[in-house]
Structures are given as structure tokens and as C-alpha cells.
């Protein structure tokens, strides 16, 4: 815990060319999954805008087997998420079918009950 505190305090004392404290960001590329790096606070991964262009790896490079394991776990997570979404859709469809079947049964029971009463035949005339 003291290591992360000292790393955090030393990181906040380091500033980029913009004059702001550096940001610690995590890479999720297949070449560097989960590897952290220091960059300008104005770095925007969605637009690739890097502010003053400051970049330095914070973590050591991973071994190939580590990259492979992390990438496989990320792929498994994506597949499980897709499967979960498909099951949610299937569950929704089954619940809708169940509602329709319940309504049909209820209507049939009501029609059957009406057929047994004396006044129903006259009501339909």
C-alpha cells in the first residue's frame, strides 16, 4: 500500500509539457492488454488526441504468455457477454409467449363459462 501511495505522490509531482499532473491510463490493445502508461491528462483514447504528446510506459512489458492469457480472458468475457444478451432476448420472447398463452387460456375459460350460463345464448341473438 505504501508503494502505491509513493508512486501516486511521485506521479502527481511529475507534469507533462502542458504543466498538469500526468494521468495513469490502462492500455487495452492486444499487444499491451492491461498495461499502464503515463500520458498527458488531455489524452483522449477515443479521438487519439494526446495533448502535448507525452507518453511513457508505467508497467514493465508483459511476457507473451501473459498477453495471451489476458487476451483469451478478454475474449471469453466478450463471448459470455454476447451469450448473456442472447439469453436475455430469448427469455423476453419466452415470457411474451407465456403471456399470450395465458391470455388465450383465460379467454377460452371465460367463453366456456359463458356457454354454461342460460342467458348467454340470448345475449348473442
C-alpha atoms as a PDB file:
ATOM      1  CA  UNK A   1       0.000   0.000   0.000  1.00  0.00           C
ATOM      2  CA  UNK A   2       2.862   2.394   0.749  1.00  0.00           C
ATOM      3  CA  UNK A   3       4.269   1.594  -2.694  1.00  0.00           C
ATOM      4  CA  UNK A   4       1.083   2.740  -4.457  1.00  0.00           C
ATOM      5  CA  UNK A   5       0.948   5.846  -2.262  1.00  0.00           C
ATOM      6  CA  UNK A   6       4.538   6.785  -3.047  1.00  0.00           C
ATOM      7  CA  UNK A   7       4.016   6.001  -6.727  1.00  0.00           C
ATOM      8  CA  UNK A   8       0.886   8.130  -6.730  1.00  0.00           C
ATOM      9  CA  UNK A   9       2.568  11.056  -4.982  1.00  0.00           C
ATOM     10  CA  UNK A  10       5.647  10.889  -7.222  1.00  0.00           C
ATOM     11  CA  UNK A  11       3.400  10.655 -10.288  1.00  0.00           C
ATOM     12  CA  UNK A  12       1.393  13.724  -9.255  1.00  0.00           C
ATOM     13  CA  UNK A  13       4.615  15.712  -8.856  1.00  0.00           C
ATOM     14  CA  UNK A  14       5.576  14.850 -12.461  1.00  0.00           C
ATOM     15  CA  UNK A  15       3.987  17.104 -15.016  1.00  0.00           C
ATOM     16  CA  UNK A  16       3.721  16.999 -18.766  1.00  0.00           C
ATOM     17  CA  UNK A  17       4.573  19.840 -21.151  1.00  0.00           C
ATOM     18  CA  UNK A  18       1.051  21.249 -20.572  1.00  0.00           C
ATOM     19  CA  UNK A  19       2.013  21.819 -16.920  1.00  0.00           C
ATOM     20  CA  UNK A  20      -0.592  19.468 -15.465  1.00  0.00           C
ATOM     21  CA  UNK A  21      -0.018  16.254 -13.467  1.00  0.00           C
ATOM     22  CA  UNK A  22       0.359  13.130 -15.581  1.00  0.00           C
ATOM     23  CA  UNK A  23      -2.539  10.703 -15.987  1.00  0.00           C
ATOM     24  CA  UNK A  24      -2.082   6.970 -15.407  1.00  0.00           C
ATOM     25  CA  UNK A  25      -4.039   5.166 -18.142  1.00  0.00           C
ATOM     26  CA  UNK A  26      -4.535   1.462 -18.876  1.00  0.00           C
ATOM     27  CA  UNK A  27      -3.999   0.090 -22.376  1.00  0.00           C
ATOM     28  CA  UNK A  28      -6.459  -2.496 -23.709  1.00  0.00           C
ATOM     29  CA  UNK A  29      -4.787  -3.241 -27.041  1.00  0.00           C
ATOM     30  CA  UNK A  30      -3.984  -6.861 -27.910  1.00  0.00           C
ATOM     31  CA  UNK A  31      -0.264  -6.027 -27.816  1.00  0.00           C
ATOM     32  CA  UNK A  32      -0.425  -4.461 -24.332  1.00  0.00           C
ATOM     33  CA  UNK A  33      -3.558  -5.687 -22.521  1.00  0.00           C
ATOM     34  CA  UNK A  34      -3.913  -4.114 -19.088  1.00  0.00           C
ATOM     35  CA  UNK A  35      -0.519  -2.421 -19.278  1.00  0.00           C
ATOM     36  CA  UNK A  36      -0.491   1.040 -17.712  1.00  0.00           C
ATOM     37  CA  UNK A  37       1.190   4.133 -19.103  1.00  0.00           C
ATOM     38  CA  UNK A  38       1.690   7.760 -18.141  1.00  0.00           C
ATOM     39  CA  UNK A  39       0.354  10.368 -20.516  1.00  0.00           C
ATOM     40  CA  UNK A  40      -0.817  13.948 -20.749  1.00  0.00           C
ATOM     41  CA  UNK A  41      -4.047  14.498 -18.798  1.00  0.00           C
ATOM     42  CA  UNK A  42      -5.624  15.725 -22.028  1.00  0.00           C
ATOM     43  CA  UNK A  43      -5.122  12.338 -23.730  1.00  0.00           C
ATOM     44  CA  UNK A  44      -8.401  11.130 -25.244  1.00  0.00           C
ATOM     45  CA  UNK A  45      -8.317   7.461 -26.348  1.00  0.00           C
ATOM     46  CA  UNK A  46     -11.494   7.740 -28.434  1.00  0.00           C
ATOM     47  CA  UNK A  47     -10.102  10.550 -30.604  1.00  0.00           C
ATOM     48  CA  UNK A  48      -6.406   9.696 -30.151  1.00  0.00           C
ATOM     49  CA  UNK A  49      -5.826  13.345 -29.197  1.00  0.00           C
ATOM     50  CA  UNK A  50      -2.763  13.300 -26.958  1.00  0.00           C
ATOM     51  CA  UNK A  51      -2.428  16.875 -25.669  1.00  0.00           C
ATOM     52  CA  UNK A  52       1.314  17.548 -25.527  1.00  0.00           C
ATOM     53  CA  UNK A  53       2.121  14.016 -26.799  1.00  0.00           C
ATOM     54  CA  UNK A  54       3.748  12.874 -23.510  1.00  0.00           C
ATOM     55  CA  UNK A  55       3.843   9.076 -23.261  1.00  0.00           C
ATOM     56  CA  UNK A  56       5.827   6.690 -21.073  1.00  0.00           C
ATOM     57  CA  UNK A  57       5.119   3.095 -20.071  1.00  0.00           C
ATOM     58  CA  UNK A  58       4.468   2.782 -16.327  1.00  0.00           C
ATOM     59  CA  UNK A  59       4.459  -1.033 -16.151  1.00  0.00           C
ATOM     60  CA  UNK A  60       7.110  -3.377 -17.471  1.00  0.00           C
ATOM     61  CA  UNK A  61       6.340  -5.190 -20.704  1.00  0.00           C
ATOM     62  CA  UNK A  62       4.453  -8.444 -20.208  1.00  0.00           C
ATOM     63  CA  UNK A  63       5.659 -11.869 -21.302  1.00  0.00           C
ATOM     64  CA  UNK A  64       3.944 -13.349 -24.361  1.00  0.00           C
ATOM     65  CA  UNK A  65       2.123 -15.966 -22.292  1.00  0.00           C
ATOM     66  CA  UNK A  66       0.737 -13.213 -20.020  1.00  0.00           C
ATOM     67  CA  UNK A  67      -0.549 -11.284 -23.034  1.00  0.00           C
ATOM     68  CA  UNK A  68      -2.071 -14.477 -24.443  1.00  0.00           C
ATOM     69  CA  UNK A  69      -3.832 -15.325 -21.161  1.00  0.00           C
ATOM     70  CA  UNK A  70      -5.207 -11.797 -20.708  1.00  0.00           C
ATOM     71  CA  UNK A  71      -6.361 -11.603 -24.334  1.00  0.00           C
ATOM     72  CA  UNK A  72      -8.043 -15.016 -24.062  1.00  0.00           C
ATOM     73  CA  UNK A  73      -9.805 -13.958 -20.857  1.00  0.00           C
ATOM     74  CA  UNK A  74     -10.984 -10.737 -22.528  1.00  0.00           C
ATOM     75  CA  UNK A  75     -12.284 -12.742 -25.490  1.00  0.00           C
ATOM     76  CA  UNK A  76     -14.053 -15.184 -23.154  1.00  0.00           C
ATOM     77  CA  UNK A  77     -15.626 -12.231 -21.335  1.00  0.00           C
ATOM     78  CA  UNK A  78     -16.916 -10.766 -24.623  1.00  0.00           C
ATOM     79  CA  UNK A  79     -18.333 -14.134 -25.675  1.00  0.00           C
ATOM     80  CA  UNK A  80     -20.055 -14.610 -22.313  1.00  0.00           C
ATOM     81  CA  UNK A  81     -21.498 -11.110 -22.518  1.00  0.00           C
ATOM     82  CA  UNK A  82     -22.896 -11.840 -26.000  1.00  0.00           C
ATOM     83  CA  UNK A  83     -24.310 -15.148 -24.809  1.00  0.00           C
ATOM     84  CA  UNK A  84     -25.890 -13.419 -21.815  1.00  0.00           C
ATOM     85  CA  UNK A  85     -27.512 -10.807 -24.076  1.00  0.00           C
ATOM     86  CA  UNK A  86     -28.849 -13.532 -26.386  1.00  0.00           C
ATOM     87  CA  UNK A  87     -30.287 -15.403 -23.397  1.00  0.00           C
ATOM     88  CA  UNK A  88     -31.950 -12.208 -22.146  1.00  0.00           C
ATOM     89  CA  UNK A  89     -33.609 -11.725 -25.544  1.00  0.00           C
ATOM     90  CA  UNK A  90     -34.683 -15.369 -25.658  1.00  0.00           C
ATOM     91  CA  UNK A  91     -36.052 -15.091 -22.111  1.00  0.00           C
ATOM     92  CA  UNK A  92     -38.008 -11.964 -23.072  1.00  0.00           C
ATOM     93  CA  UNK A  93     -39.522 -13.764 -26.096  1.00  0.00           C
ATOM     94  CA  UNK A  94     -40.470 -16.766 -23.968  1.00  0.00           C
ATOM     95  CA  UNK A  95     -42.124 -14.501 -21.391  1.00  0.00           C
ATOM     96  CA  UNK A  96     -44.089 -12.783 -24.167  1.00  0.00           C
ATOM     97  CA  UNK A  97     -45.216 -16.189 -25.492  1.00  0.00           C
ATOM     98  CA  UNK A  98     -46.190 -17.188 -21.955  1.00  0.00           C
ATOM     99  CA  UNK A  99     -48.321 -14.033 -21.597  1.00  0.00           C
ATOM    100  CA  UNK A 100     -50.044 -14.729 -24.919  1.00  0.00           C
ATOM    101  CA  UNK A 101     -50.732 -18.353 -23.966  1.00  0.00           C
ATOM    102  CA  UNK A 102     -52.070 -17.292 -20.554  1.00  0.00           C
ATOM    103  CA  UNK A 103     -54.392 -14.766 -22.209  1.00  0.00           C
ATOM    104  CA  UNK A 104     -55.637 -17.400 -24.676  1.00  0.00           C
ATOM    105  CA  UNK A 105     -56.333 -19.853 -21.853  1.00  0.00           C
ATOM    106  CA  UNK A 106     -58.138 -17.173 -19.863  1.00  0.00           C
ATOM    107  CA  UNK A 107     -60.312 -16.271 -22.869  1.00  0.00           C
ATOM    108  CA  UNK A 108     -61.142 -19.937 -23.538  1.00  0.00           C
ATOM    109  CA  UNK A 109     -62.118 -20.429 -19.895  1.00  0.00           C
ATOM    110  CA  UNK A 110     -64.335 -17.340 -19.986  1.00  0.00           C
ATOM    111  CA  UNK A 111     -66.015 -18.484 -23.230  1.00  0.00           C
ATOM    112  CA  UNK A 112     -66.553 -21.943 -21.757  1.00  0.00           C
ATOM    113  CA  UNK A 113     -68.067 -20.419 -18.603  1.00  0.00           C
ATOM    114  CA  UNK A 114     -70.391 -18.225 -20.686  1.00  0.00           C
ATOM    115  CA  UNK A 115     -71.566 -21.242 -22.655  1.00  0.00           C
ATOM    116  CA  UNK A 116     -72.778 -22.917 -19.456  1.00  0.00           C
ATOM    117  CA  UNK A 117     -74.975 -19.995 -18.367  1.00  0.00           C
ATOM    118  CA  UNK A 118     -78.572 -19.741 -19.555  1.00  0.00           C
ATOM    119  CA  UNK A 119     -78.556 -16.064 -20.515  1.00  0.00           C
ATOM    120  CA  UNK A 120     -75.534 -16.212 -22.787  1.00  0.00           C
ATOM    121  CA  UNK A 121     -77.345 -17.680 -25.789  1.00  0.00           C
ATOM    122  CA  UNK A 122     -79.944 -14.907 -25.654  1.00  0.00           C
ATOM    123  CA  UNK A 123     -77.244 -12.249 -25.316  1.00  0.00           C
ATOM    124  CA  UNK A 124     -75.674 -13.263 -28.655  1.00  0.00           C
ATOM    125  CA  UNK A 125     -79.012 -13.042 -30.571  1.00  0.00           C
END
